[in-house]
Amino acid sequence: MSKKLFISMLLAISLVSCGGKYKVVIQKEGEEKKTEAAATTQAAAPAVQEVKTSYQQELLAKMRPFDKNVKADLKSGVDMSGTASRSLEGWDAELNKVYKLLKGKLSSSEREQLKIEQRQWIKERDRKAEEDSAELGGTDGAMVYNMSLSEETRNRTLELAKMYDEK
């Protein structure tokens, strides 16, 4: 590819990616230029819109590196039980934060209902963890139990974060 053609193509890509309206004509070496390149820009730059992120999105972004480290540690096979416990602790801390935030947005009757739902959820979470780890014993059983608790806690945390966003 000739140097002029390459530079012309690079210029065309650059101009198109700038967001304005551009017409670029690429001229091959030795050809007669038939039209001129014209560029028109918009009269005013578009206003920057503020993008509001939800608490749930912020929470997921915050916990993504944490989850990634947990998965890497579990794959390594080293201290899997400890890793499962750390995962549970991390998500449980976030659950407590969002629970308190949500309670602050609710009426007294809604807070009471949330409290009842949360107690029921805890019972169901614990029952599921027992079921998931029932056939295993020792450290494997403890790891599966904690990972089940962690996954259920993660799901509940995100559910409460969504409720918080919707209030």
Foldseek 3Di string as FASTA:
>chain_A
DDPQQVVQVVVVVVLVVVPADWDGDRDDPPDDDDDDTDTDGDPDDDDDDDDDDALLVVVCVVCVVVVVVLVVVVVVVPPLLVSLQVLLVVLVVLLVVLLVLLCVVDDPVVNVVVVVVVVVLVVVLQVVLCVQLVVDDDSVSSSSSSNSSSVSSNVVSSVSSVVSRVD
